[in-house]
Amino acid sequence: MSHFVYILRCRDGSLYTGYTTDVERRVSEHNSSDLGAKFTRSRRPCSLVYTEEFQTRSEAMSREYHIKHKLSKQEKEALISAYSS
């Protein structure tokens, strides 16, 4: 099973970072149900702008923490920009 870290860009330009095993399902939940994060509910629609795949949950959760808590918004934007190039 693959594990993913993803970043969403919300309607207001904010970024949300999360972890999942099914990116498509999770993005759909963020945009259309109460299963999405409270943060994204008032900022819909959200679009997927970045994903990273990992072999283990531990690796993915570690990376999610790093992106969420250690990177500035500017650094996240640079990560997204490099990913989409």
C-alpha atoms as a PDB file:
ATOM      1  CA  MET A   1       0.000   0.000   0.000  1.00  0.00           C
ATOM      2  CA  SER A   2       1.261   3.473  -0.871  1.00  0.00           C
ATOM      3  CA  HIS A   3       1.068   6.429   1.475  1.00  0.00           C
ATOM      4  CA  PHE A   4       0.846  10.012   0.261  1.00  0.00           C
ATOM      5  CA  VAL A   5       1.450  13.517   1.513  1.00  0.00           C
ATOM      6  CA  TYR A   6      -0.492  16.130  -0.417  1.00  0.00           C
ATOM      7  CA  ILE A   7      -0.956  19.888  -0.517  1.00  0.00           C
ATOM      8  CA  LEU A   8      -4.205  21.579  -1.481  1.00  0.00           C
ATOM      9  CA  ARG A   9      -4.609  25.189  -2.545  1.00  0.00           C
ATOM     10  CA  CYS A  10      -7.849  26.563  -1.165  1.00  0.00           C
ATOM     11  CA  ARG A  11     -10.103  29.209  -2.693  1.00  0.00           C
ATOM     12  CA  ASP A  12      -8.564  31.939  -0.515  1.00  0.00           C
ATOM     13  CA  GLY A  13      -5.009  31.004  -1.556  1.00  0.00           C
ATOM     14  CA  SER A  14      -4.183  29.225   1.696  1.00  0.00           C
ATOM     15  CA  LEU A  15      -2.417  25.862   1.630  1.00  0.00           C
ATOM     16  CA  TYR A  16      -3.476  22.702   3.438  1.00  0.00           C
ATOM     17  CA  THR A  17      -1.122  19.741   3.909  1.00  0.00           C
ATOM     18  CA  GLY A  18      -2.391  16.247   4.676  1.00  0.00           C
ATOM     19  CA  TYR A  19      -1.724  12.511   4.607  1.00  0.00           C
ATOM     20  CA  THR A  20      -3.767   9.760   2.945  1.00  0.00           C
ATOM     21  CA  THR A  21      -3.611   6.383   1.245  1.00  0.00           C
ATOM     22  CA  ASP A  22      -6.066   7.517  -1.480  1.00  0.00           C
ATOM     23  CA  VAL A  23      -5.442  11.016  -2.813  1.00  0.00           C
ATOM     24  CA  GLU A  24      -8.452  11.183  -5.144  1.00  0.00           C
ATOM     25  CA  ARG A  25     -10.893  10.133  -2.406  1.00  0.00           C
ATOM     26  CA  ARG A  26      -9.368  12.515   0.120  1.00  0.00           C
ATOM     27  CA  VAL A  27      -9.500  15.544  -2.183  1.00  0.00           C
ATOM     28  CA  SER A  28     -13.136  14.715  -2.916  1.00  0.00           C
ATOM     29  CA  GLU A  29     -13.853  14.566   0.831  1.00  0.00           C
ATOM     30  CA  HIS A  30     -12.228  17.957   1.349  1.00  0.00           C
ATOM     31  CA  ASN A  31     -14.422  19.460  -1.348  1.00  0.00           C
ATOM     32  CA  SER A  32     -17.788  17.825  -0.778  1.00  0.00           C
ATOM     33  CA  SER A  33     -18.336  16.324   2.648  1.00  0.00           C
ATOM     34  CA  ASP A  34     -17.951  16.749   6.373  1.00  0.00           C
ATOM     35  CA  LEU A  35     -15.146  14.167   6.241  1.00  0.00           C
ATOM     36  CA  GLY A  36     -12.750  16.856   4.972  1.00  0.00           C
ATOM     37  CA  ALA A  37     -10.695  18.887   7.406  1.00  0.00           C
ATOM     38  CA  LYS A  38     -12.452  21.673   9.286  1.00  0.00           C
ATOM     39  CA  PHE A  39      -9.827  24.030   7.835  1.00  0.00           C
ATOM     40  CA  THR A  40     -10.887  23.340   4.248  1.00  0.00           C
ATOM     41  CA  ARG A  41     -14.684  23.350   4.758  1.00  0.00           C
ATOM     42  CA  SER A  42     -14.949  27.147   4.657  1.00  0.00           C
ATOM     43  CA  ARG A  43     -12.309  27.496   1.939  1.00  0.00           C
ATOM     44  CA  ARG A  44     -13.784  25.332  -0.828  1.00  0.00           C
ATOM     45  CA  PRO A  45     -13.095  24.551  -3.545  1.00  0.00           C
ATOM     46  CA  CYS A  46      -9.621  23.185  -2.944  1.00  0.00           C
ATOM     47  CA  SER A  47      -7.375  21.929  -5.700  1.00  0.00           C
ATOM     48  CA  LEU A  48      -4.563  19.412  -5.491  1.00  0.00           C
ATOM     49  CA  VAL A  49      -1.207  21.094  -6.176  1.00  0.00           C
ATOM     50  CA  TYR A  50       1.349  18.628  -4.773  1.00  0.00           C
ATOM     51  CA  THR A  51       1.743  14.934  -3.902  1.00  0.00           C
ATOM     52  CA  GLU A  52       4.593  12.790  -2.652  1.00  0.00           C
ATOM     53  CA  GLU A  53       4.444   8.998  -2.394  1.00  0.00           C
ATOM     54  CA  PHE A  54       6.022   6.895   0.371  1.00  0.00           C
ATOM     55  CA  GLN A  55       6.325   3.181   1.101  1.00  0.00           C
ATOM     56  CA  THR A  56       5.475   3.448   4.791  1.00  0.00           C
ATOM     57  CA  ARG A  57       2.984   5.390   6.870  1.00  0.00           C
ATOM     58  CA  SER A  58       5.793   6.492   9.159  1.00  0.00           C
ATOM     59  CA  GLU A  59       7.768   8.104   6.323  1.00  0.00           C
ATOM     60  CA  ALA A  60       4.677   9.885   5.024  1.00  0.00           C
ATOM     61  CA  MET A  61       3.622  11.154   8.450  1.00  0.00           C
ATOM     62  CA  SER A  62       7.143  12.419   9.100  1.00  0.00           C
ATOM     63  CA  ARG A  63       7.156  14.306   5.811  1.00  0.00           C
ATOM     64  CA  GLU A  64       3.682  15.723   6.463  1.00  0.00           C
ATOM     65  CA  TYR A  65       4.847  17.041   9.837  1.00  0.00           C
ATOM     66  CA  HIS A  66       7.936  18.585   8.265  1.00  0.00           C
ATOM     67  CA  ILE A  67       5.964  20.358   5.528  1.00  0.00           C
ATOM     68  CA  LYS A  68       3.200  21.502   7.886  1.00  0.00           C
ATOM     69  CA  HIS A  69       5.301  22.707  10.776  1.00  0.00           C
ATOM     70  CA  LYS A  70       8.794  23.420   9.491  1.00  0.00           C
ATOM     71  CA  LEU A  71       8.282  25.038   6.076  1.00  0.00           C
ATOM     72  CA  SER A  72       7.125  28.605   5.600  1.00  0.00           C
ATOM     73  CA  LYS A  73       4.414  29.364   3.050  1.00  0.00           C
ATOM     74  CA  GLN A  74       7.137  30.670   0.730  1.00  0.00           C
ATOM     75  CA  GLU A  75       9.041  27.374   1.032  1.00  0.00           C
ATOM     76  CA  LYS A  76       5.832  25.413   0.380  1.00  0.00           C
ATOM     77  CA  GLU A  77       5.197  27.531  -2.728  1.00  0.00           C
ATOM     78  CA  ALA A  78       8.740  26.738  -3.939  1.00  0.00           C
ATOM     79  CA  LEU A  79       8.101  23.022  -3.357  1.00  0.00           C
ATOM     80  CA  ILE A  80       4.853  23.228  -5.340  1.00  0.00           C
ATOM     81  CA  SER A  81       6.550  25.195  -8.113  1.00  0.00           C
ATOM     82  CA  ALA A  82       9.375  22.642  -8.425  1.00  0.00           C
ATOM     83  CA  TYR A  83       6.822  19.804  -8.439  1.00  0.00           C
ATOM     84  CA  SER A  84       4.753  21.294 -11.256  1.00  0.00           C
ATOM     85  CA  SER A  85       7.760  22.102 -13.462  1.00  0.00           C
END
